[in-house]
Amino acid sequence: RVEDEADVATVVDVIYGTDFSDSNAV
């Protein structure tokens, strides 16, 4: 549970270091 359900947020945009196209492994 969160303190207030109104605080559940949606991700609307991202910046990332890799899309794993060079390697799909972690």
PDB file of all heavy atoms in Angstrom:
ATOM      1  N   ARG A   1       0.832  -1.207   0.000  1.00  0.00           N
ATOM      2  CA  ARG A   1       0.000   0.000   0.000  1.00  0.00           C
ATOM      3  C   ARG A   1       0.864   1.254   0.000  1.00  0.00           C
ATOM      4  O   ARG A   1       1.940   1.293   0.597  1.00  0.00           O
ATOM      5  CB  ARG A   1      -0.923   0.025   1.221  1.00  0.00           C
ATOM      6  CG  ARG A   1      -1.928  -1.119   1.261  1.00  0.00           C
ATOM      7  CD  ARG A   1      -2.865  -0.972   2.432  1.00  0.00           C
ATOM      8  NE  ARG A   1      -3.861  -2.033   2.458  1.00  0.00           N
ATOM      9  CZ  ARG A   1      -4.855  -2.117   3.347  1.00  0.00           C
ATOM     10  NH1 ARG A   1      -4.962  -1.189   4.302  1.00  0.00           N
ATOM     11  NH2 ARG A   1      -5.715  -3.116   3.288  1.00  0.00           N
ATOM     12  N   VAL A   2       0.365   2.297  -0.665  1.00  0.00           N
ATOM     13  CA  VAL A   2       0.983   3.615  -0.588  1.00  0.00           C
ATOM     14  C   VAL A   2       0.178   4.460   0.380  1.00  0.00           C
ATOM     15  O   VAL A   2      -0.977   4.148   0.693  1.00  0.00           O
ATOM     16  CB  VAL A   2       1.040   4.296  -1.977  1.00  0.00           C
ATOM     17  CG1 VAL A   2       1.981   3.546  -2.899  1.00  0.00           C
ATOM     18  CG2 VAL A   2      -0.347   4.390  -2.597  1.00  0.00           C
ATOM     19  N   GLU A   3       0.790   5.522   0.863  1.00  0.00           N
ATOM     20  CA  GLU A   3       0.109   6.379   1.829  1.00  0.00           C
ATOM     21  C   GLU A   3      -1.202   6.934   1.267  1.00  0.00           C
ATOM     22  O   GLU A   3      -2.200   7.033   1.964  1.00  0.00           O
ATOM     23  CB  GLU A   3       1.033   7.530   2.237  1.00  0.00           C
ATOM     24  CG  GLU A   3       0.431   8.482   3.248  1.00  0.00           C
ATOM     25  CD  GLU A   3       1.366   9.626   3.598  1.00  0.00           C
ATOM     26  OE1 GLU A   3       2.548   9.588   3.204  1.00  0.00           O
ATOM     27  OE2 GLU A   3       0.897  10.578   4.258  1.00  0.00           O
ATOM     28  N   ASP A   4      -1.183   7.291  -0.026  1.00  0.00           N
ATOM     29  CA  ASP A   4      -2.356   7.853  -0.692  1.00  0.00           C
ATOM     30  C   ASP A   4      -2.399   7.285  -2.106  1.00  0.00           C
ATOM     31  O   ASP A   4      -1.440   7.423  -2.863  1.00  0.00           O
ATOM     32  CB  ASP A   4      -2.248   9.383  -0.725  1.00  0.00           C
ATOM     33  CG  ASP A   4      -3.486  10.064  -1.284  1.00  0.00           C
ATOM     34  OD1 ASP A   4      -4.286   9.395  -1.972  1.00  0.00           O
ATOM     35  OD2 ASP A   4      -3.641  11.279  -1.047  1.00  0.00           O
ATOM     36  N   GLU A   5      -3.491   6.645  -2.486  1.00  0.00           N
ATOM     37  CA  GLU A   5      -3.603   6.042  -3.815  1.00  0.00           C
ATOM     38  C   GLU A   5      -3.451   7.082  -4.926  1.00  0.00           C
ATOM     39  O   GLU A   5      -3.089   6.740  -6.053  1.00  0.00           O
ATOM     40  CB  GLU A   5      -4.940   5.310  -3.962  1.00  0.00           C
ATOM     41  CG  GLU A   5      -4.987   3.956  -3.274  1.00  0.00           C
ATOM     42  CD  GLU A   5      -3.975   2.974  -3.855  1.00  0.00           C
ATOM     43  OE1 GLU A   5      -3.788   2.963  -5.092  1.00  0.00           O
ATOM     44  OE2 GLU A   5      -3.374   2.220  -3.076  1.00  0.00           O
ATOM     45  N   ALA A   6      -3.723   8.347  -4.612  1.00  0.00           N
ATOM     46  CA  ALA A   6      -3.541   9.406  -5.609  1.00  0.00           C
ATOM     47  C   ALA A   6      -2.075   9.619  -5.940  1.00  0.00           C
ATOM     48  O   ALA A   6      -1.747  10.298  -6.919  1.00  0.00           O
ATOM     49  CB  ALA A   6      -4.158  10.712  -5.101  1.00  0.00           C
ATOM     50  N   ASP A   7      -1.174   9.035  -5.139  1.00  0.00           N
ATOM     51  CA  ASP A   7       0.253   9.187  -5.381  1.00  0.00           C
ATOM     52  C   ASP A   7       0.827   8.096  -6.287  1.00  0.00           C
ATOM     53  O   ASP A   7       2.039   8.090  -6.544  1.00  0.00           O
ATOM     54  CB  ASP A   7       1.014   9.184  -4.053  1.00  0.00           C
ATOM     55  CG  ASP A   7       0.701  10.407  -3.203  1.00  0.00           C
ATOM     56  OD1 ASP A   7       0.280  11.430  -3.776  1.00  0.00           O
ATOM     57  OD2 ASP A   7       0.883  10.340  -1.968  1.00  0.00           O
ATOM     58  N   VAL A   8       0.009   7.176  -6.752  1.00  0.00           N
ATOM     59  CA  VAL A   8       0.473   6.186  -7.725  1.00  0.00           C
ATOM     60  C   VAL A   8       0.631   6.898  -9.066  1.00  0.00           C
ATOM     61  O   VAL A   8      -0.336   7.403  -9.627  1.00  0.00           O
ATOM     62  CB  VAL A   8      -0.503   5.010  -7.847  1.00  0.00           C
ATOM     63  CG1 VAL A   8      -0.022   4.027  -8.917  1.00  0.00           C
ATOM     64  CG2 VAL A   8      -0.661   4.299  -6.505  1.00  0.00           C
ATOM     65  N   ALA A   9       1.867   6.971  -9.553  1.00  0.00           N
ATOM     66  CA  ALA A   9       2.175   7.783 -10.732  1.00  0.00           C
ATOM     67  C   ALA A   9       2.410   6.912 -11.954  1.00  0.00           C
ATOM     68  O   ALA A   9       2.852   5.761 -11.855  1.00  0.00           O
ATOM     69  CB  ALA A   9       3.405   8.642 -10.469  1.00  0.00           C
ATOM     70  N   THR A  10       2.145   7.478 -13.123  1.00  0.00           N
ATOM     71  CA  THR A  10       2.404   6.831 -14.400  1.00  0.00           C
ATOM     72  C   THR A  10       3.682   7.376 -15.017  1.00  0.00           C
ATOM     73  O   THR A  10       3.930   8.579 -14.977  1.00  0.00           O
ATOM     74  CB  THR A  10       1.230   7.083 -15.374  1.00  0.00           C
ATOM     75  OG1 THR A  10       0.046   6.472 -14.860  1.00  0.00           O
ATOM     76  CG2 THR A  10       1.525   6.509 -16.751  1.00  0.00           C
ATOM     77  N   VAL A  11       4.496   6.497 -15.572  1.00  0.00           N
ATOM     78  CA  VAL A  11       5.695   6.910 -16.295  1.00  0.00           C
ATOM     79  C   VAL A  11       5.282   7.394 -17.683  1.00  0.00           C
ATOM     80  O   VAL A  11       4.635   6.665 -18.440  1.00  0.00           O
ATOM     81  CB  VAL A  11       6.707   5.747 -16.408  1.00  0.00           C
ATOM     82  CG1 VAL A  11       7.872   6.126 -17.316  1.00  0.00           C
ATOM     83  CG2 VAL A  11       7.206   5.352 -15.022  1.00  0.00           C
ATOM     84  N   VAL A  12       5.638   8.630 -18.009  1.00  0.00           N
ATOM     85  CA  VAL A  12       5.213   9.229 -19.271  1.00  0.00           C
ATOM     86  C   VAL A  12       6.358   9.440 -20.253  1.00  0.00           C
ATOM     87  O   VAL A  12       6.132   9.718 -21.434  1.00  0.00           O
ATOM     88  CB  VAL A  12       4.493  10.572 -19.029  1.00  0.00           C
ATOM     89  CG1 VAL A  12       3.195  10.348 -18.261  1.00  0.00           C
ATOM     90  CG2 VAL A  12       5.403  11.555 -18.291  1.00  0.00           C
ATOM     91  N   ASP A  13       7.608   9.311 -19.780  1.00  0.00           N
ATOM     92  CA  ASP A  13       8.745   9.520 -20.666  1.00  0.00           C
ATOM     93  C   ASP A  13       9.969   8.893 -20.017  1.00  0.00           C
ATOM     94  O   ASP A  13      10.020   8.760 -18.785  1.00  0.00           O
ATOM     95  CB  ASP A  13       8.975  11.017 -20.886  1.00  0.00           C
ATOM     96  CG  ASP A  13       9.739  11.323 -22.165  1.00  0.00           C
ATOM     97  OD1 ASP A  13      10.216  10.369 -22.813  1.00  0.00           O
ATOM     98  OD2 ASP A  13       9.866  12.505 -22.512  1.00  0.00           O
ATOM     99  N   VAL A  14      10.940   8.477 -20.808  1.00  0.00           N
ATOM    100  CA  VAL A  14      12.151   7.880 -20.251  1.00  0.00           C
ATOM    101  C   VAL A  14      13.384   8.331 -21.020  1.00  0.00           C
ATOM    102  O   VAL A  14      13.321   8.654 -22.201  1.00  0.00           O
ATOM    103  CB  VAL A  14      12.096   6.333 -20.248  1.00  0.00           C
ATOM    104  CG1 VAL A  14      11.022   5.810 -19.328  1.00  0.00           C
ATOM    105  CG2 VAL A  14      11.910   5.787 -21.656  1.00  0.00           C
ATOM    106  N   ILE A  15      14.501   8.382 -20.328  1.00  0.00           N
ATOM    107  CA  ILE A  15      15.831   8.532 -20.910  1.00  0.00           C
ATOM    108  C   ILE A  15      16.634   7.349 -20.375  1.00  0.00           C
ATOM    109  O   ILE A  15      16.589   7.074 -19.175  1.00  0.00           O
ATOM    110  CB  ILE A  15      16.507   9.846 -20.485  1.00  0.00           C
ATOM    111  CG1 ILE A  15      15.686  11.061 -20.930  1.00  0.00           C
ATOM    112  CG2 ILE A  15      17.918   9.937 -21.035  1.00  0.00           C
ATOM    113  CD1 ILE A  15      16.195  12.383 -20.362  1.00  0.00           C
ATOM    114  N   TYR A  16      17.366   6.650 -21.234  1.00  0.00           N
ATOM    115  CA  TYR A  16      18.038   5.448 -20.767  1.00  0.00           C
ATOM    116  C   TYR A  16      19.439   5.351 -21.355  1.00  0.00           C
ATOM    117  O   TYR A  16      19.749   5.920 -22.392  1.00  0.00           O
ATOM    118  CB  TYR A  16      17.237   4.197 -21.112  1.00  0.00           C
ATOM    119  CG  TYR A  16      16.775   4.128 -22.545  1.00  0.00           C
ATOM    120  CD1 TYR A  16      17.607   3.633 -23.539  1.00  0.00           C
ATOM    121  CD2 TYR A  16      15.503   4.557 -22.895  1.00  0.00           C
ATOM    122  CE1 TYR A  16      17.181   3.566 -24.855  1.00  0.00           C
ATOM    123  CE2 TYR A  16      15.073   4.499 -24.210  1.00  0.00           C
ATOM    124  CZ  TYR A  16      15.920   3.998 -25.188  1.00  0.00           C
ATOM    125  OH  TYR A  16      15.497   3.930 -26.492  1.00  0.00           O
ATOM    126  N   GLY A  17      20.289   4.593 -20.659  1.00  0.00           N
ATOM    127  CA  GLY A  17      21.670   4.463 -21.069  1.00  0.00           C
ATOM    128  C   GLY A  17      21.889   3.453 -22.166  1.00  0.00           C
ATOM    129  O   GLY A  17      22.871   3.546 -22.905  1.00  0.00           O
ATOM    130  N   THR A  18      21.008   2.461 -22.275  1.00  0.00           N
ATOM    131  CA  THR A  18      21.102   1.450 -23.327  1.00  0.00           C
ATOM    132  C   THR A  18      19.728   0.869 -23.605  1.00  0.00           C
ATOM    133  O   THR A  18      18.888   0.807 -22.704  1.00  0.00           O
ATOM    134  CB  THR A  18      22.061   0.310 -22.925  1.00  0.00           C
ATOM    135  OG1 THR A  18      22.128  -0.652 -23.986  1.00  0.00           O
ATOM    136  CG2 THR A  18      21.606  -0.394 -21.652  1.00  0.00           C
ATOM    137  N   ASP A  19      19.508   0.472 -24.867  1.00  0.00           N
ATOM    138  CA  ASP A  19      18.293  -0.283 -25.195  1.00  0.00           C
ATOM    139  C   ASP A  19      18.629  -1.754 -25.405  1.00  0.00           C
ATOM    140  O   ASP A  19      17.793  -2.523 -25.855  1.00  0.00           O
ATOM    141  CB  ASP A  19      17.584   0.303 -26.417  1.00  0.00           C
ATOM    142  CG  ASP A  19      18.413   0.182 -27.688  1.00  0.00           C
ATOM    143  OD1 ASP A  19      19.555  -0.324 -27.621  1.00  0.00           O
ATOM    144  OD2 ASP A  19      17.921   0.609 -28.755  1.00  0.00           O
ATOM    145  N   PHE A  20      19.878  -2.133 -25.073  1.00  0.00           N
ATOM    146  CA  PHE A  20      20.356  -3.514 -25.138  1.00  0.00           C
ATOM    147  C   PHE A  20      20.440  -4.055 -26.559  1.00  0.00           C
ATOM    148  O   PHE A  20      20.554  -5.263 -26.751  1.00  0.00           O
ATOM    149  CB  PHE A  20      19.488  -4.443 -24.277  1.00  0.00           C
ATOM    150  CG  PHE A  20      19.442  -4.034 -22.831  1.00  0.00           C
ATOM    151  CD1 PHE A  20      18.384  -3.266 -22.350  1.00  0.00           C
ATOM    152  CD2 PHE A  20      20.459  -4.384 -21.963  1.00  0.00           C
ATOM    153  CE1 PHE A  20      18.351  -2.871 -21.027  1.00  0.00           C
ATOM    154  CE2 PHE A  20      20.431  -3.985 -20.635  1.00  0.00           C
ATOM    155  CZ  PHE A  20      19.377  -3.226 -20.166  1.00  0.00           C
ATOM    156  N   SER A  21      20.424  -3.169 -27.570  1.00  0.00           N
ATOM    157  CA  SER A  21      20.559  -3.636 -28.945  1.00  0.00           C
ATOM    158  C   SER A  21      21.973  -4.173 -29.193  1.00  0.00           C
ATOM    159  O   SER A  21      22.180  -4.980 -30.109  1.00  0.00           O
ATOM    160  CB  SER A  21      20.236  -2.519 -29.935  1.00  0.00           C
ATOM    161  OG  SER A  21      21.046  -1.379 -29.700  1.00  0.00           O
ATOM    162  N   ASP A  22      22.942  -3.731 -28.380  1.00  0.00           N
ATOM    163  CA  ASP A  22      24.301  -4.261 -28.504  1.00  0.00           C
ATOM    164  C   ASP A  22      24.453  -5.602 -27.803  1.00  0.00           C
ATOM    165  O   ASP A  22      25.310  -6.412 -28.140  1.00  0.00           O
ATOM    166  CB  ASP A  22      25.319  -3.273 -27.938  1.00  0.00           C
ATOM    167  CG  ASP A  22      25.048  -2.913 -26.481  1.00  0.00           C
ATOM    168  OD1 ASP A  22      23.910  -3.119 -26.011  1.00  0.00           O
ATOM    169  OD2 ASP A  22      25.976  -2.420 -25.814  1.00  0.00           O
ATOM    170  N   SER A  23      23.586  -5.851 -26.824  1.00  0.00           N
ATOM    171  CA  SER A  23      23.603  -7.108 -26.077  1.00  0.00           C
ATOM    172  C   SER A  23      22.339  -7.162 -25.243  1.00  0.00           C
ATOM    173  O   SER A  23      22.003  -6.210 -24.548  1.00  0.00           O
ATOM    174  CB  SER A  23      24.822  -7.184 -25.166  1.00  0.00           C
ATOM    175  OG  SER A  23      24.705  -8.259 -24.270  1.00  0.00           O
ATOM    176  N   ASN A  24      21.608  -8.297 -25.315  1.00  0.00           N
ATOM    177  CA  ASN A  24      20.373  -8.375 -24.528  1.00  0.00           C
ATOM    178  C   ASN A  24      20.633  -8.941 -23.136  1.00  0.00           C
ATOM    179  O   ASN A  24      19.718  -9.329 -22.431  1.00  0.00           O
ATOM    180  CB  ASN A  24      19.316  -9.224 -25.248  1.00  0.00           C
ATOM    181  CG  ASN A  24      19.740 -10.679 -25.415  1.00  0.00           C
ATOM    182  OD1 ASN A  24      20.789 -11.084 -24.938  1.00  0.00           O
ATOM    183  ND2 ASN A  24      18.909 -11.456 -26.094  1.00  0.00           N
ATOM    184  N   ALA A  25      21.894  -8.970 -22.749  1.00  0.00           N
ATOM    185  CA  ALA A  25      22.255  -9.560 -21.470  1.00  0.00           C
ATOM    186  C   ALA A  25      22.545  -8.492 -20.425  1.00  0.00           C
ATOM    187  O   ALA A  25      22.967  -7.385 -20.735  1.00  0.00           O
ATOM    188  CB  ALA A  25      23.481 -10.460 -21.638  1.00  0.00           C
ATOM    189  N   VAL A  26      22.285  -8.829 -19.195  1.00  0.00           N
ATOM    190  CA  VAL A  26      22.725  -8.035 -18.054  1.00  0.00           C
ATOM    191  C   VAL A  26      23.712  -8.900 -17.285  1.00  0.00           C
ATOM    192  O   VAL A  26      23.636 -10.129 -17.358  1.00  0.00           O
ATOM    193  CB  VAL A  26      21.547  -7.629 -17.156  1.00  0.00           C
ATOM    194  CG1 VAL A  26      20.676  -6.615 -17.847  1.00  0.00           C
ATOM    195  CG2 VAL A  26      20.711  -8.838 -16.739  1.00  0.00           C
TER     196      VAL A  26
END
